Amino acid sequence: MNPQDSGYFSPSPSSQDFCSHKTVKSLTKPQESYVALIARAILSSSNYQMLLVDIYEWILNEYPYYQTLQ
């Protein structure tokens, strides 16, 4: 009898990968303040300058949690 057929399921490594760090990260609010997120965005650019729209885009790409708030 297959474990999945009995209603009991032991997670395999491939199913554990489904709940990756990126997935968990996207579901939780970042611990950093908005100021810290803005600073990280600016520091990630090649010339350390970003337009406000680019900062918001960076935050949404790095932290999908904020996409659900729109």
C-alpha atoms as a PDB file:
ATOM      1  CA  MET A   1       0.000   0.000   0.000  1.00  0.00           C
ATOM      2  CA  ASN A   2       1.268   3.448  -0.929  1.00  0.00           C
ATOM      3  CA  PRO A   3       1.608   5.938   2.010  1.00  0.00           C
ATOM      4  CA  GLN A   4      -0.256   8.598  -0.006  1.00  0.00           C
ATOM      5  CA  ASP A   5      -3.199   6.181  -0.473  1.00  0.00           C
ATOM      6  CA  SER A   6      -3.587   5.597   3.263  1.00  0.00           C
ATOM      7  CA  GLY A   7      -4.102   9.274   4.051  1.00  0.00           C
ATOM      8  CA  TYR A   8      -0.699   9.411   5.727  1.00  0.00           C
ATOM      9  CA  PHE A   9       1.927  11.396   3.891  1.00  0.00           C
ATOM     10  CA  SER A  10       5.552  11.778   4.866  1.00  0.00           C
ATOM     11  CA  PRO A  11       7.035  14.818   3.109  1.00  0.00           C
ATOM     12  CA  SER A  12       9.771  14.032   0.652  1.00  0.00           C
ATOM     13  CA  PRO A  13      12.628  16.458  -0.022  1.00  0.00           C
ATOM     14  CA  SER A  14      10.911  17.620  -3.217  1.00  0.00           C
ATOM     15  CA  SER A  15       7.718  18.542  -1.362  1.00  0.00           C
ATOM     16  CA  GLN A  16       9.721  20.362   1.293  1.00  0.00           C
ATOM     17  CA  ASP A  17      11.278  22.470  -1.466  1.00  0.00           C
ATOM     18  CA  PHE A  18       7.767  23.743  -2.237  1.00  0.00           C
ATOM     19  CA  CYS A  19       7.871  25.724   0.986  1.00  0.00           C
ATOM     20  CA  SER A  20      11.109  27.447   0.095  1.00  0.00           C
ATOM     21  CA  HIS A  21      12.649  30.449   1.811  1.00  0.00           C
ATOM     22  CA  LYS A  22      11.337  32.680  -0.993  1.00  0.00           C
ATOM     23  CA  THR A  23       7.779  31.418  -0.459  1.00  0.00           C
ATOM     24  CA  VAL A  24       7.962  31.919   3.304  1.00  0.00           C
ATOM     25  CA  LYS A  25       9.572  35.302   2.757  1.00  0.00           C
ATOM     26  CA  SER A  26       6.734  36.373   0.491  1.00  0.00           C
ATOM     27  CA  LEU A  27       4.064  35.423   3.025  1.00  0.00           C
ATOM     28  CA  THR A  28       5.517  37.315   5.955  1.00  0.00           C
ATOM     29  CA  LYS A  29       6.001  41.007   6.506  1.00  0.00           C
ATOM     30  CA  PRO A  30       9.690  41.970   6.467  1.00  0.00           C
ATOM     31  CA  GLN A  31      11.213  42.807   9.839  1.00  0.00           C
ATOM     32  CA  GLU A  32      13.028  45.807   8.332  1.00  0.00           C
ATOM     33  CA  SER A  33      11.505  49.271   8.501  1.00  0.00           C
ATOM     34  CA  TYR A  34      10.463  51.085   5.338  1.00  0.00           C
ATOM     35  CA  VAL A  35      13.547  53.281   5.700  1.00  0.00           C
ATOM     36  CA  ALA A  36      15.760  50.182   5.734  1.00  0.00           C
ATOM     37  CA  LEU A  37      13.984  48.740   2.675  1.00  0.00           C
ATOM     38  CA  ILE A  38      14.427  52.009   0.798  1.00  0.00           C
ATOM     39  CA  ALA A  39      18.111  52.120   1.760  1.00  0.00           C
ATOM     40  CA  ARG A  40      18.614  48.518   0.590  1.00  0.00           C
ATOM     41  CA  ALA A  41      16.925  49.329  -2.706  1.00  0.00           C
ATOM     42  CA  ILE A  42      19.131  52.366  -3.314  1.00  0.00           C
ATOM     43  CA  LEU A  43      22.292  50.515  -2.304  1.00  0.00           C
ATOM     44  CA  SER A  44      21.417  47.715  -4.724  1.00  0.00           C
ATOM     45  CA  SER A  45      21.541  50.053  -7.724  1.00  0.00           C
ATOM     46  CA  SER A  46      24.779  50.472  -9.650  1.00  0.00           C
ATOM     47  CA  ASN A  47      25.001  54.252  -9.147  1.00  0.00           C
ATOM     48  CA  TYR A  48      23.269  54.365  -5.730  1.00  0.00           C
ATOM     49  CA  GLN A  49      20.416  56.426  -7.169  1.00  0.00           C
ATOM     50  CA  MET A  50      16.823  55.385  -7.835  1.00  0.00           C
ATOM     51  CA  LEU A  51      13.573  57.063  -8.709  1.00  0.00           C
ATOM     52  CA  LEU A  52      10.746  56.572  -6.242  1.00  0.00           C
ATOM     53  CA  VAL A  53       8.870  54.345  -8.691  1.00  0.00           C
ATOM     54  CA  ASP A  54      11.990  52.153  -9.023  1.00  0.00           C
ATOM     55  CA  ILE A  55      12.310  51.889  -5.243  1.00  0.00           C
ATOM     56  CA  TYR A  56       8.709  50.711  -4.972  1.00  0.00           C
ATOM     57  CA  GLU A  57       9.248  48.243  -7.803  1.00  0.00           C
ATOM     58  CA  TRP A  58      12.361  46.848  -6.078  1.00  0.00           C
ATOM     59  CA  ILE A  59      10.456  46.428  -2.807  1.00  0.00           C
ATOM     60  CA  LEU A  60       7.581  44.650  -4.570  1.00  0.00           C
ATOM     61  CA  ASN A  61      10.008  42.333  -6.375  1.00  0.00           C
ATOM     62  CA  GLU A  62      12.018  41.519  -3.252  1.00  0.00           C
ATOM     63  CA  TYR A  63       9.056  41.304  -0.869  1.00  0.00           C
ATOM     64  CA  PRO A  64       5.908  40.046  -2.631  1.00  0.00           C
ATOM     65  CA  TYR A  65       4.103  40.442   0.705  1.00  0.00           C
ATOM     66  CA  TYR A  66       3.563  44.084  -0.250  1.00  0.00           C
ATOM     67  CA  GLN A  67       1.908  43.113  -3.544  1.00  0.00           C
ATOM     68  CA  THR A  68      -1.046  41.731  -1.611  1.00  0.00           C
ATOM     69  CA  LEU A  69      -1.597  45.108   0.041  1.00  0.00           C
ATOM     70  CA  GLN A  70      -2.304  46.964  -3.192  1.00  0.00           C
END
